Protein backbone atom coordinates (compact mmCIF):
# COMPACT_ATOMS: atom_id res chain seq x y z
CA UNK A 1 0.00 0.00 0.00
CA UNK A 2 1.34 3.38 -1.02
CA UNK A 3 0.04 6.44 0.79
CA UNK A 4 0.70 9.96 -0.45
CA UNK A 5 2.78 11.49 2.33
CA UNK A 6 3.99 14.83 0.90
CA UNK A 7 4.17 16.90 -2.25
CA UNK A 8 7.28 17.93 -4.18
CA UNK A 9 7.82 20.49 -6.93
CA UNK A 10 7.42 17.81 -9.59
CA UNK A 11 5.04 15.31 -8.00
CA UNK A 12 4.55 13.63 -4.64
CA UNK A 13 6.20 11.25 -2.22
CA UNK A 14 4.52 8.05 -1.20
CA UNK A 15 5.29 5.86 1.79
CA UNK A 16 5.12 2.13 1.21
CA UNK A 17 5.97 -1.10 2.96
CA UNK A 18 8.61 -3.14 1.20
CA UNK A 19 9.58 -6.30 2.99
CA UNK A 20 9.85 -5.32 6.63
CA UNK A 21 10.80 -1.69 5.93
CA UNK A 22 8.88 1.46 5.13
CA UNK A 23 10.35 3.23 2.13
CA UNK A 24 9.64 6.52 0.38
CA UNK A 25 8.95 6.44 -3.34
CA UNK A 26 8.81 9.58 -5.44
CA UNK A 27 6.12 9.75 -8.14
CA UNK A 28 5.95 12.09 -11.14
CA UNK A 29 4.31 12.19 -14.57
CA UNK A 30 7.39 12.70 -16.77
CA UNK A 31 7.35 9.13 -18.17
CA UNK A 32 11.10 8.69 -17.62
CA UNK A 33 10.69 5.13 -16.31
CA UNK A 34 11.17 3.54 -12.91
CA UNK A 35 14.22 3.93 -10.73
CA UNK A 36 14.41 1.01 -8.30
CA UNK A 37 16.46 0.42 -5.19
CA UNK A 38 18.99 -2.41 -5.44
CA UNK A 39 16.81 -4.63 -3.27
CA UNK A 40 13.70 -3.95 -5.38
CA UNK A 41 15.59 -4.69 -8.61
CA UNK A 42 16.97 -7.92 -7.15
CA UNK A 43 13.56 -9.12 -5.94
CA UNK A 44 11.95 -8.34 -9.29
CA UNK A 45 14.82 -9.89 -11.22
CA UNK A 46 15.14 -6.75 -13.29
CA UNK A 47 17.85 -4.37 -14.40
CA UNK A 48 18.14 -1.22 -16.49
CA UNK A 49 16.08 -1.65 -19.65
CA UNK A 50 13.78 -4.35 -18.25
CA UNK A 51 10.05 -3.84 -18.75
CA UNK A 52 7.83 -3.70 -15.65
CA UNK A 53 4.11 -4.11 -15.30
CA UNK A 54 2.59 -1.95 -12.57
CA UNK A 55 -0.90 -2.88 -11.37
CA UNK A 56 -2.60 -0.09 -9.43
CA UNK A 57 -5.51 -1.04 -7.18
CA UNK A 58 -7.18 2.18 -6.05
CA UNK A 59 -10.86 3.06 -5.82
CA UNK A 60 -12.20 1.32 -8.90
CA UNK A 61 -11.08 -1.77 -10.76
CA UNK A 62 -7.31 -2.41 -11.14
CA UNK A 63 -5.44 -0.41 -13.75
CA UNK A 64 -2.27 -1.71 -15.42
CA UNK A 65 0.59 0.38 -16.69
CA UNK A 66 3.82 -0.70 -18.35
CA UNK A 67 7.10 1.08 -17.72
CA UNK A 68 10.79 0.45 -18.19
CA UNK A 69 13.49 0.30 -15.52
CA UNK A 70 15.48 3.46 -16.13
CA UNK A 71 18.06 2.71 -13.47
CA UNK A 72 18.93 1.59 -9.98
CA UNK A 73 19.02 4.36 -7.39
CA UNK A 74 19.18 4.83 -3.65
CA UNK A 75 15.94 6.85 -3.95
CA UNK A 76 13.17 4.87 -5.66
CA UNK A 77 11.14 6.87 -8.18
CA UNK A 78 8.28 5.94 -10.48
CA UNK A 79 8.09 8.37 -13.38
CA UNK A 80 4.95 7.17 -15.14
CA UNK A 81 1.95 9.39 -15.89
CA UNK A 82 -0.73 6.71 -15.51
CA UNK A 83 0.61 5.50 -12.17
CA UNK A 84 1.07 9.08 -10.95
CA UNK A 85 -2.52 10.08 -11.70
CA UNK A 86 -4.15 6.87 -10.44
CA UNK A 87 -2.31 6.94 -7.09
CA UNK A 88 -2.60 10.73 -6.75
CA UNK A 89 -6.33 11.03 -7.36
CA UNK A 90 -7.10 8.41 -4.69
CA UNK A 91 -4.47 9.64 -2.21
CA UNK A 92 -2.96 6.16 -2.17
CA UNK A 93 -3.29 2.71 -3.69
CA UNK A 94 -2.03 -0.83 -3.62
CA UNK A 95 0.73 -1.14 -6.19
CA UNK A 96 2.04 -4.44 -7.44
CA UNK A 97 5.09 -4.51 -9.66
CA UNK A 98 6.38 -7.44 -11.66
CA UNK A 99 8.64 -8.04 -14.59
CA UNK A 100 6.69 -7.84 -17.85
PDB file of N, CA and C in Angstrom:
ATOM      1  N   UNK A   1       0.842  -1.177   0.000  1.00  0.00           N
ATOM      2  CA  UNK A   1       0.000   0.000   0.000  1.00  0.00           C
ATOM      3  C   UNK A   1       0.881   1.232   0.000  1.00  0.00           C
ATOM      4  N   UNK A   2       0.637   2.112  -0.943  1.00  0.00           N
ATOM      5  CA  UNK A   2       1.344   3.380  -1.025  1.00  0.00           C
ATOM      6  C   UNK A   2       0.386   4.470  -0.586  1.00  0.00           C
ATOM      7  N   UNK A   3       0.818   5.295   0.341  1.00  0.00           N
ATOM      8  CA  UNK A   3       0.036   6.439   0.795  1.00  0.00           C
ATOM      9  C   UNK A   3       0.785   7.709   0.444  1.00  0.00           C
ATOM     10  N   UNK A   4       0.071   8.675  -0.135  1.00  0.00           N
ATOM     11  CA  UNK A   4       0.701   9.958  -0.448  1.00  0.00           C
ATOM     12  C   UNK A   4       1.049  10.624   0.866  1.00  0.00           C
ATOM     13  N   UNK A   5       2.338  10.931   1.051  1.00  0.00           N
ATOM     14  CA  UNK A   5       2.778  11.492   2.333  1.00  0.00           C
ATOM     15  C   UNK A   5       3.177  12.955   2.238  1.00  0.00           C
ATOM     16  N   UNK A   6       3.633  13.419   1.070  1.00  0.00           N
ATOM     17  CA  UNK A   6       3.986  14.833   0.905  1.00  0.00           C
ATOM     18  C   UNK A   6       4.076  15.158  -0.576  1.00  0.00           C
ATOM     19  N   UNK A   7       4.094  16.450  -0.866  1.00  0.00           N
ATOM     20  CA  UNK A   7       4.167  16.901  -2.246  1.00  0.00           C
ATOM     21  C   UNK A   7       5.531  17.521  -2.520  1.00  0.00           C
ATOM     22  N   UNK A   8       6.004  17.360  -3.750  1.00  0.00           N
ATOM     23  CA  UNK A   8       7.276  17.931  -4.176  1.00  0.00           C
ATOM     24  C   UNK A   8       6.985  18.907  -5.319  1.00  0.00           C
ATOM     25  N   UNK A   9       8.015  19.561  -5.813  1.00  0.00           N
ATOM     26  CA  UNK A   9       7.824  20.486  -6.931  1.00  0.00           C
ATOM     27  C   UNK A   9       7.349  19.775  -8.190  1.00  0.00           C
ATOM     28  N   UNK A  10       7.741  18.524  -8.355  1.00  0.00           N
ATOM     29  CA  UNK A  10       7.424  17.809  -9.591  1.00  0.00           C
ATOM     30  C   UNK A  10       6.434  16.664  -9.418  1.00  0.00           C
ATOM     31  N   UNK A  11       5.951  16.420  -8.218  1.00  0.00           N
ATOM     32  CA  UNK A  11       5.037  15.310  -7.999  1.00  0.00           C
ATOM     33  C   UNK A  11       4.708  15.135  -6.531  1.00  0.00           C
ATOM     34  N   UNK A  12       4.806  13.889  -6.051  1.00  0.00           N
ATOM     35  CA  UNK A  12       4.553  13.627  -4.636  1.00  0.00           C
ATOM     36  C   UNK A  12       5.393  12.455  -4.159  1.00  0.00           C
ATOM     37  N   UNK A  13       5.512  12.357  -2.852  1.00  0.00           N
ATOM     38  CA  UNK A  13       6.203  11.245  -2.215  1.00  0.00           C
ATOM     39  C   UNK A  13       5.149  10.316  -1.648  1.00  0.00           C
ATOM     40  N   UNK A  14       5.410   9.047  -1.766  1.00  0.00           N
ATOM     41  CA  UNK A  14       4.521   8.046  -1.199  1.00  0.00           C
ATOM     42  C   UNK A  14       5.296   7.152  -0.259  1.00  0.00           C
ATOM     43  N   UNK A  15       4.687   6.797   0.843  1.00  0.00           N
ATOM     44  CA  UNK A  15       5.288   5.864   1.793  1.00  0.00           C
ATOM     45  C   UNK A  15       4.700   4.493   1.527  1.00  0.00           C
ATOM     46  N   UNK A  16       5.571   3.487   1.511  1.00  0.00           N
ATOM     47  CA  UNK A  16       5.117   2.130   1.210  1.00  0.00           C
ATOM     48  C   UNK A  16       5.894   1.128   2.044  1.00  0.00           C
ATOM     49  N   UNK A  17       5.281   0.002   2.289  1.00  0.00           N
ATOM     50  CA  UNK A  17       5.966  -1.104   2.956  1.00  0.00           C
ATOM     51  C   UNK A  17       6.624  -1.950   1.885  1.00  0.00           C
ATOM     52  N   UNK A  18       7.886  -2.263   2.111  1.00  0.00           N
ATOM     53  CA  UNK A  18       8.614  -3.138   1.201  1.00  0.00           C
ATOM     54  C   UNK A  18       9.399  -4.096   2.072  1.00  0.00           C
ATOM     55  N   UNK A  19       8.981  -5.347   2.052  1.00  0.00           N
ATOM     56  CA  UNK A  19       9.582  -6.304   2.990  1.00  0.00           C
ATOM     57  C   UNK A  19       9.172  -5.907   4.396  1.00  0.00           C
ATOM     58  N   UNK A  20      10.133  -5.730   5.254  1.00  0.00           N
ATOM     59  CA  UNK A  20       9.847  -5.323   6.633  1.00  0.00           C
ATOM     60  C   UNK A  20      10.113  -3.845   6.862  1.00  0.00           C
ATOM     61  N   UNK A  21      10.459  -3.104   5.806  1.00  0.00           N
ATOM     62  CA  UNK A  21      10.801  -1.693   5.927  1.00  0.00           C
ATOM     63  C   UNK A  21       9.722  -0.805   5.316  1.00  0.00           C
ATOM     64  N   UNK A  22       9.694   0.433   5.776  1.00  0.00           N
ATOM     65  CA  UNK A  22       8.883   1.459   5.135  1.00  0.00           C
ATOM     66  C   UNK A  22       9.828   2.297   4.293  1.00  0.00           C
ATOM     67  N   UNK A  23       9.493   2.449   3.027  1.00  0.00           N
ATOM     68  CA  UNK A  23      10.345   3.226   2.126  1.00  0.00           C
ATOM     69  C   UNK A  23       9.546   4.376   1.531  1.00  0.00           C
ATOM     70  N   UNK A  24      10.256   5.399   1.080  1.00  0.00           N
ATOM     71  CA  UNK A  24       9.635   6.521   0.384  1.00  0.00           C
ATOM     72  C   UNK A  24       9.895   6.354  -1.102  1.00  0.00           C
ATOM     73  N   UNK A  25       8.846   6.516  -1.887  1.00  0.00           N
ATOM     74  CA  UNK A  25       8.954   6.438  -3.343  1.00  0.00           C
ATOM     75  C   UNK A  25       8.448   7.758  -3.906  1.00  0.00           C
ATOM     76  N   UNK A  26       9.231   8.342  -4.798  1.00  0.00           N
ATOM     77  CA  UNK A  26       8.814   9.577  -5.444  1.00  0.00           C
ATOM     78  C   UNK A  26       8.031   9.230  -6.700  1.00  0.00           C
ATOM     79  N   UNK A  27       6.948   9.950  -6.954  1.00  0.00           N
ATOM     80  CA  UNK A  27       6.118   9.755  -8.140  1.00  0.00           C
ATOM     81  C   UNK A  27       6.068  11.047  -8.935  1.00  0.00           C
ATOM     82  N   UNK A  28       6.165  10.942 -10.270  1.00  0.00           N
ATOM     83  CA  UNK A  28       5.952  12.087 -11.140  1.00  0.00           C
ATOM     84  C   UNK A  28       5.359  11.604 -12.456  1.00  0.00           C
ATOM     85  N   UNK A  29       4.981  12.550 -13.310  1.00  0.00           N
ATOM     86  CA  UNK A  29       4.307  12.193 -14.565  1.00  0.00           C
ATOM     87  C   UNK A  29       5.172  12.443 -15.801  1.00  0.00           C
ATOM     88  N   UNK A  30       6.480  12.404 -15.657  1.00  0.00           N
ATOM     89  CA  UNK A  30       7.388  12.702 -16.768  1.00  0.00           C
ATOM     90  C   UNK A  30       7.630  11.521 -17.710  1.00  0.00           C
ATOM     91  N   UNK A  31       7.165  10.340 -17.354  1.00  0.00           N
ATOM     92  CA  UNK A  31       7.354   9.128 -18.172  1.00  0.00           C
ATOM     93  C   UNK A  31       8.825   8.836 -18.482  1.00  0.00           C
ATOM     94  N   UNK A  32       9.671   8.983 -17.464  1.00  0.00           N
ATOM     95  CA  UNK A  32      11.100   8.685 -17.616  1.00  0.00           C
ATOM     96  C   UNK A  32      11.438   7.249 -17.229  1.00  0.00           C
ATOM     97  N   UNK A  33      10.461   6.503 -16.724  1.00  0.00           N
ATOM     98  CA  UNK A  33      10.691   5.126 -16.305  1.00  0.00           C
ATOM     99  C   UNK A  33      10.718   4.988 -14.803  1.00  0.00           C
ATOM    100  N   UNK A  34      11.110   3.814 -14.349  1.00  0.00           N
ATOM    101  CA  UNK A  34      11.167   3.537 -12.911  1.00  0.00           C
ATOM    102  C   UNK A  34      12.621   3.411 -12.461  1.00  0.00           C
ATOM    103  N   UNK A  35      12.899   4.019 -11.341  1.00  0.00           N
ATOM    104  CA  UNK A  35      14.219   3.932 -10.727  1.00  0.00           C
ATOM    105  C   UNK A  35      14.029   3.114  -9.446  1.00  0.00           C
ATOM    106  N   UNK A  36      14.615   1.945  -9.401  1.00  0.00           N
ATOM    107  CA  UNK A  36      14.410   1.009  -8.297  1.00  0.00           C
ATOM    108  C   UNK A  36      15.609   0.988  -7.369  1.00  0.00           C
ATOM    109  N   UNK A  37      15.347   0.654  -6.104  1.00  0.00           N
ATOM    110  CA  UNK A  37      16.464   0.417  -5.192  1.00  0.00           C
ATOM    111  C   UNK A  37      17.111  -0.912  -5.593  1.00  0.00           C
ATOM    112  N   UNK A  38      18.314  -1.155  -5.104  1.00  0.00           N
ATOM    113  CA  UNK A  38      18.990  -2.410  -5.435  1.00  0.00           C
ATOM    114  C   UNK A  38      18.183  -3.611  -4.977  1.00  0.00           C
ATOM    115  N   UNK A  39      17.596  -3.517  -3.789  1.00  0.00           N
ATOM    116  CA  UNK A  39      16.806  -4.630  -3.268  1.00  0.00           C
ATOM    117  C   UNK A  39      15.557  -4.874  -4.120  1.00  0.00           C
ATOM    118  N   UNK A  40      14.889  -3.808  -4.536  1.00  0.00           N
ATOM    119  CA  UNK A  40      13.703  -3.953  -5.382  1.00  0.00           C
ATOM    120  C   UNK A  40      14.073  -4.602  -6.715  1.00  0.00           C
ATOM    121  N   UNK A  41      15.160  -4.139  -7.327  1.00  0.00           N
ATOM    122  CA  UNK A  41      15.595  -4.695  -8.611  1.00  0.00           C
ATOM    123  C   UNK A  41      15.941  -6.172  -8.465  1.00  0.00           C
ATOM    124  N   UNK A  42      16.597  -6.516  -7.378  1.00  0.00           N
ATOM    125  CA  UNK A  42      16.971  -7.923  -7.153  1.00  0.00           C
ATOM    126  C   UNK A  42      15.728  -8.786  -6.977  1.00  0.00           C
ATOM    127  N   UNK A  43      14.784  -8.338  -6.171  1.00  0.00           N
ATOM    128  CA  UNK A  43      13.564  -9.125  -5.937  1.00  0.00           C
ATOM    129  C   UNK A  43      12.722  -9.286  -7.205  1.00  0.00           C
ATOM    130  N   UNK A  44      12.716  -8.264  -8.047  1.00  0.00           N
ATOM    131  CA  UNK A  44      11.949  -8.335  -9.292  1.00  0.00           C
ATOM    132  C   UNK A  44      12.712  -9.046 -10.403  1.00  0.00           C
ATOM    133  N   UNK A  45      13.997  -9.264 -10.190  1.00  0.00           N
ATOM    134  CA  UNK A  45      14.818  -9.895 -11.221  1.00  0.00           C
ATOM    135  C   UNK A  45      14.971  -8.999 -12.437  1.00  0.00           C
ATOM    136  N   UNK A  46      15.061  -7.696 -12.185  1.00  0.00           N
ATOM    137  CA  UNK A  46      15.145  -6.753 -13.294  1.00  0.00           C
ATOM    138  C   UNK A  46      16.403  -5.908 -13.210  1.00  0.00           C
ATOM    139  N   UNK A  47      16.707  -5.268 -14.319  1.00  0.00           N
ATOM    140  CA  UNK A  47      17.852  -4.366 -14.399  1.00  0.00           C
ATOM    141  C   UNK A  47      17.489  -3.260 -15.379  1.00  0.00           C
ATOM    142  N   UNK A  48      18.393  -2.334 -15.588  1.00  0.00           N
ATOM    143  CA  UNK A  48      18.137  -1.217 -16.486  1.00  0.00           C
ATOM    144  C   UNK A  48      17.716  -1.747 -17.862  1.00  0.00           C
ATOM    145  N   UNK A  49      16.606  -1.224 -18.359  1.00  0.00           N
ATOM    146  CA  UNK A  49      16.085  -1.650 -19.651  1.00  0.00           C
ATOM    147  C   UNK A  49      14.998  -2.700 -19.571  1.00  0.00           C
ATOM    148  N   UNK A  50      14.834  -3.346 -18.411  1.00  0.00           N
ATOM    149  CA  UNK A  50      13.779  -4.354 -18.245  1.00  0.00           C
ATOM    150  C   UNK A  50      12.410  -3.669 -18.241  1.00  0.00           C
ATOM    151  N   UNK A  51      11.421  -4.351 -18.788  1.00  0.00           N
ATOM    152  CA  UNK A  51      10.053  -3.838 -18.746  1.00  0.00           C
ATOM    153  C   UNK A  51       9.380  -4.302 -17.458  1.00  0.00           C
ATOM    154  N   UNK A  52       8.589  -3.398 -16.860  1.00  0.00           N
ATOM    155  CA  UNK A  52       7.834  -3.703 -15.650  1.00  0.00           C
ATOM    156  C   UNK A  52       6.352  -3.479 -15.905  1.00  0.00           C
ATOM    157  N   UNK A  53       5.548  -4.297 -15.293  1.00  0.00           N
ATOM    158  CA  UNK A  53       4.112  -4.113 -15.297  1.00  0.00           C
ATOM    159  C   UNK A  53       3.731  -3.633 -13.904  1.00  0.00           C
ATOM    160  N   UNK A  54       3.048  -2.500 -13.843  1.00  0.00           N
ATOM    161  CA  UNK A  54       2.589  -1.950 -12.568  1.00  0.00           C
ATOM    162  C   UNK A  54       1.072  -2.075 -12.550  1.00  0.00           C
ATOM    163  N   UNK A  55       0.543  -2.754 -11.542  1.00  0.00           N
ATOM    164  CA  UNK A  55      -0.899  -2.881 -11.365  1.00  0.00           C
ATOM    165  C   UNK A  55      -1.280  -2.001 -10.182  1.00  0.00           C
ATOM    166  N   UNK A  56      -2.182  -1.050 -10.436  1.00  0.00           N
ATOM    167  CA  UNK A  56      -2.603  -0.091  -9.425  1.00  0.00           C
ATOM    168  C   UNK A  56      -4.017  -0.435  -9.000  1.00  0.00           C
ATOM    169  N   UNK A  57      -4.190  -0.729  -7.721  1.00  0.00           N
ATOM    170  CA  UNK A  57      -5.510  -1.040  -7.180  1.00  0.00           C
ATOM    171  C   UNK A  57      -5.919   0.111  -6.272  1.00  0.00           C
ATOM    172  N   UNK A  58      -6.729   1.018  -6.821  1.00  0.00           N
ATOM    173  CA  UNK A  58      -7.181   2.177  -6.052  1.00  0.00           C
ATOM    174  C   UNK A  58      -8.673   2.034  -5.781  1.00  0.00           C
ATOM    175  N   UNK A  59      -9.433   3.049  -6.125  1.00  0.00           N
ATOM    176  CA  UNK A  59     -10.860   3.058  -5.817  1.00  0.00           C
ATOM    177  C   UNK A  59     -11.674   2.110  -6.688  1.00  0.00           C
ATOM    178  N   UNK A  60     -11.427   2.114  -7.963  1.00  0.00           N
ATOM    179  CA  UNK A  60     -12.202   1.318  -8.900  1.00  0.00           C
ATOM    180  C   UNK A  60     -11.500  -0.005  -9.184  1.00  0.00           C
ATOM    181  N   UNK A  61     -11.727  -0.528 -10.368  1.00  0.00           N
ATOM    182  CA  UNK A  61     -11.076  -1.773 -10.759  1.00  0.00           C
ATOM    183  C   UNK A  61      -9.586  -1.523 -11.013  1.00  0.00           C
ATOM    184  N   UNK A  62      -8.764  -2.565 -10.935  1.00  0.00           N
ATOM    185  CA  UNK A  62      -7.313  -2.406 -11.135  1.00  0.00           C
ATOM    186  C   UNK A  62      -6.970  -1.833 -12.506  1.00  0.00           C
ATOM    187  N   UNK A  63      -5.928  -1.024 -12.523  1.00  0.00           N
ATOM    188  CA  UNK A  63      -5.436  -0.407 -13.752  1.00  0.00           C
ATOM    189  C   UNK A  63      -3.993  -0.856 -13.930  1.00  0.00           C
ATOM    190  N   UNK A  64      -3.637  -1.264 -15.148  1.00  0.00           N
ATOM    191  CA  UNK A  64      -2.270  -1.705 -15.417  1.00  0.00           C
ATOM    192  C   UNK A  64      -1.535  -0.650 -16.242  1.00  0.00           C
ATOM    193  N   UNK A  65      -0.260  -0.541 -15.961  1.00  0.00           N
ATOM    194  CA  UNK A  65       0.592   0.382 -16.692  1.00  0.00           C
ATOM    195  C   UNK A  65       1.939  -0.288 -16.902  1.00  0.00           C
ATOM    196  N   UNK A  66       2.510  -0.113 -18.088  1.00  0.00           N
ATOM    197  CA  UNK A  66       3.816  -0.700 -18.348  1.00  0.00           C
ATOM    198  C   UNK A  66       4.862   0.404 -18.355  1.00  0.00           C
ATOM    199  N   UNK A  67       6.004   0.127 -17.777  1.00  0.00           N
ATOM    200  CA  UNK A  67       7.103   1.078 -17.724  1.00  0.00           C
ATOM    201  C   UNK A  67       8.415   0.330 -17.883  1.00  0.00           C
ATOM    202  N   UNK A  68       9.477   1.053 -18.035  1.00  0.00           N
ATOM    203  CA  UNK A  68      10.793   0.450 -18.185  1.00  0.00           C
ATOM    204  C   UNK A  68      11.665   0.861 -16.998  1.00  0.00           C
ATOM    205  N   UNK A  69      12.541  -0.040 -16.584  1.00  0.00           N
ATOM    206  CA  UNK A  69      13.486   0.296 -15.519  1.00  0.00           C
ATOM    207  C   UNK A  69      14.524   1.237 -16.133  1.00  0.00           C
ATOM    208  N   UNK A  70      14.557   2.461 -15.620  1.00  0.00           N
ATOM    209  CA  UNK A  70      15.484   3.464 -16.134  1.00  0.00           C
ATOM    210  C   UNK A  70      16.817   3.405 -15.412  1.00  0.00           C
ATOM    211  N   UNK A  71      16.821   2.813 -14.217  1.00  0.00           N
ATOM    212  CA  UNK A  71      18.063   2.711 -13.475  1.00  0.00           C
ATOM    213  C   UNK A  71      17.841   2.208 -12.069  1.00  0.00           C
ATOM    214  N   UNK A  72      18.945   2.004 -11.376  1.00  0.00           N
ATOM    215  CA  UNK A  72      18.928   1.595  -9.976  1.00  0.00           C
ATOM    216  C   UNK A  72      19.447   2.781  -9.184  1.00  0.00           C
ATOM    217  N   UNK A  73      18.707   3.157  -8.148  1.00  0.00           N
ATOM    218  CA  UNK A  73      19.022   4.361  -7.392  1.00  0.00           C
ATOM    219  C   UNK A  73      18.776   4.133  -5.911  1.00  0.00           C
ATOM    220  N   UNK A  74      19.423   4.932  -5.085  1.00  0.00           N
ATOM    221  CA  UNK A  74      19.178   4.829  -3.646  1.00  0.00           C
ATOM    222  C   UNK A  74      17.812   5.419  -3.280  1.00  0.00           C
ATOM    223  N   UNK A  75      17.257   6.262  -4.164  1.00  0.00           N
ATOM    224  CA  UNK A  75      15.942   6.854  -3.948  1.00  0.00           C
ATOM    225  C   UNK A  75      14.982   6.337  -5.015  1.00  0.00           C
ATOM    226  N   UNK A  76      14.113   5.396  -4.671  1.00  0.00           N
ATOM    227  CA  UNK A  76      13.173   4.867  -5.663  1.00  0.00           C
ATOM    228  C   UNK A  76      12.263   5.962  -6.219  1.00  0.00           C
ATOM    229  N   UNK A  77      12.001   5.883  -7.523  1.00  0.00           N
ATOM    230  CA  UNK A  77      11.136   6.866  -8.179  1.00  0.00           C
ATOM    231  C   UNK A  77      10.385   6.173  -9.302  1.00  0.00           C
ATOM    232  N   UNK A  78       9.092   6.451  -9.381  1.00  0.00           N
ATOM    233  CA  UNK A  78       8.276   5.945 -10.483  1.00  0.00           C
ATOM    234  C   UNK A  78       7.841   7.152 -11.293  1.00  0.00           C
ATOM    235  N   UNK A  79       8.383   7.257 -12.482  1.00  0.00           N
ATOM    236  CA  UNK A  79       8.092   8.368 -13.378  1.00  0.00           C
ATOM    237  C   UNK A  79       7.215   7.829 -14.499  1.00  0.00           C
ATOM    238  N   UNK A  80       5.912   7.763 -14.220  1.00  0.00           N
ATOM    239  CA  UNK A  80       4.949   7.173 -15.143  1.00  0.00           C
ATOM    240  C   UNK A  80       3.626   7.908 -14.949  1.00  0.00           C
ATOM    241  N   UNK A  81       3.142   8.546 -16.003  1.00  0.00           N
ATOM    242  CA  UNK A  81       1.946   9.385 -15.891  1.00  0.00           C
ATOM    243  C   UNK A  81       0.723   8.625 -15.380  1.00  0.00           C
ATOM    244  N   UNK A  82       0.477   7.458 -15.914  1.00  0.00           N
ATOM    245  CA  UNK A  82      -0.726   6.712 -15.508  1.00  0.00           C
ATOM    246  C   UNK A  82      -0.685   6.344 -14.028  1.00  0.00           C
ATOM    247  N   UNK A  83       0.458   5.858 -13.578  1.00  0.00           N
ATOM    248  CA  UNK A  83       0.612   5.496 -12.165  1.00  0.00           C
ATOM    249  C   UNK A  83       0.471   6.736 -11.288  1.00  0.00           C
ATOM    250  N   UNK A  84       1.111   7.814 -11.696  1.00  0.00           N
ATOM    251  CA  UNK A  84       1.069   9.077 -10.950  1.00  0.00           C
ATOM    252  C   UNK A  84      -0.374   9.545 -10.743  1.00  0.00           C
ATOM    253  N   UNK A  85      -1.157   9.576 -11.807  1.00  0.00           N
ATOM    254  CA  UNK A  85      -2.520  10.080 -11.701  1.00  0.00           C
ATOM    255  C   UNK A  85      -3.447   9.124 -10.953  1.00  0.00           C
ATOM    256  N   UNK A  86      -3.294   7.830 -11.139  1.00  0.00           N
ATOM    257  CA  UNK A  86      -4.153   6.872 -10.441  1.00  0.00           C
ATOM    258  C   UNK A  86      -3.899   6.894  -8.927  1.00  0.00           C
ATOM    259  N   UNK A  87      -2.639   6.915  -8.525  1.00  0.00           N
ATOM    260  CA  UNK A  87      -2.313   6.945  -7.092  1.00  0.00           C
ATOM    261  C   UNK A  87      -2.672   8.305  -6.508  1.00  0.00           C
ATOM    262  N   UNK A  88      -2.348   9.369  -7.235  1.00  0.00           N
ATOM    263  CA  UNK A  88      -2.596  10.726  -6.746  1.00  0.00           C
ATOM    264  C   UNK A  88      -4.059  11.056  -6.553  1.00  0.00           C
ATOM    265  N   UNK A  89      -4.914  10.654  -7.480  1.00  0.00           N
ATOM    266  CA  UNK A  89      -6.332  11.027  -7.356  1.00  0.00           C
ATOM    267  C   UNK A  89      -7.010  10.312  -6.183  1.00  0.00           C
ATOM    268  N   UNK A  90      -6.506   9.146  -5.808  1.00  0.00           N
ATOM    269  CA  UNK A  90      -7.099   8.406  -4.691  1.00  0.00           C
ATOM    270  C   UNK A  90      -6.386   8.704  -3.365  1.00  0.00           C
ATOM    271  N   UNK A  91      -5.230   9.359  -3.431  1.00  0.00           N
ATOM    272  CA  UNK A  91      -4.470   9.636  -2.214  1.00  0.00           C
ATOM    273  C   UNK A  91      -3.684   8.431  -1.726  1.00  0.00           C
ATOM    274  N   UNK A  92      -3.682   7.382  -2.522  1.00  0.00           N
ATOM    275  CA  UNK A  92      -2.964   6.159  -2.171  1.00  0.00           C
ATOM    276  C   UNK A  92      -3.550   4.988  -2.926  1.00  0.00           C
ATOM    277  N   UNK A  93      -2.813   3.898  -2.968  1.00  0.00           N
ATOM    278  CA  UNK A  93      -3.286   2.710  -3.686  1.00  0.00           C
ATOM    279  C   UNK A  93      -2.383   1.529  -3.360  1.00  0.00           C
ATOM    280  N   UNK A  94      -2.870   0.364  -3.677  1.00  0.00           N
ATOM    281  CA  UNK A  94      -2.029  -0.831  -3.618  1.00  0.00           C
ATOM    282  C   UNK A  94      -1.352  -0.934  -4.970  1.00  0.00           C
ATOM    283  N   UNK A  95      -0.032  -1.026  -4.954  1.00  0.00           N
ATOM    284  CA  UNK A  95       0.733  -1.139  -6.192  1.00  0.00           C
ATOM    285  C   UNK A  95       1.476  -2.447  -6.191  1.00  0.00           C
ATOM    286  N   UNK A  96       1.318  -3.184  -7.263  1.00  0.00           N
ATOM    287  CA  UNK A  96       2.035  -4.441  -7.437  1.00  0.00           C
ATOM    288  C   UNK A  96       2.899  -4.296  -8.685  1.00  0.00           C
ATOM    289  N   UNK A  97       4.173  -4.598  -8.526  1.00  0.00           N
ATOM    290  CA  UNK A  97       5.091  -4.512  -9.657  1.00  0.00           C
ATOM    291  C   UNK A  97       5.642  -5.896  -9.956  1.00  0.00           C
ATOM    292  N   UNK A  98       5.753  -6.195 -11.259  1.00  0.00           N
ATOM    293  CA  UNK A  98       6.383  -7.444 -11.660  1.00  0.00           C
ATOM    294  C   UNK A  98       7.020  -7.244 -13.020  1.00  0.00           C
ATOM    295  N   UNK A  99       7.952  -8.111 -13.317  1.00  0.00           N
ATOM    296  CA  UNK A  99       8.640  -8.039 -14.586  1.00  0.00           C
ATOM    297  C   UNK A  99       7.660  -8.412 -15.694  1.00  0.00           C
ATOM    298  N   UNK A 100       7.630  -7.598 -16.747  1.00  0.00           N
ATOM    299  CA  UNK A 100       6.687  -7.837 -17.854  1.00  0.00           C
ATOM    300  C   UNK A 100       7.264  -8.843 -18.838  1.00  0.00           C
TER     301      UNK A 100
END
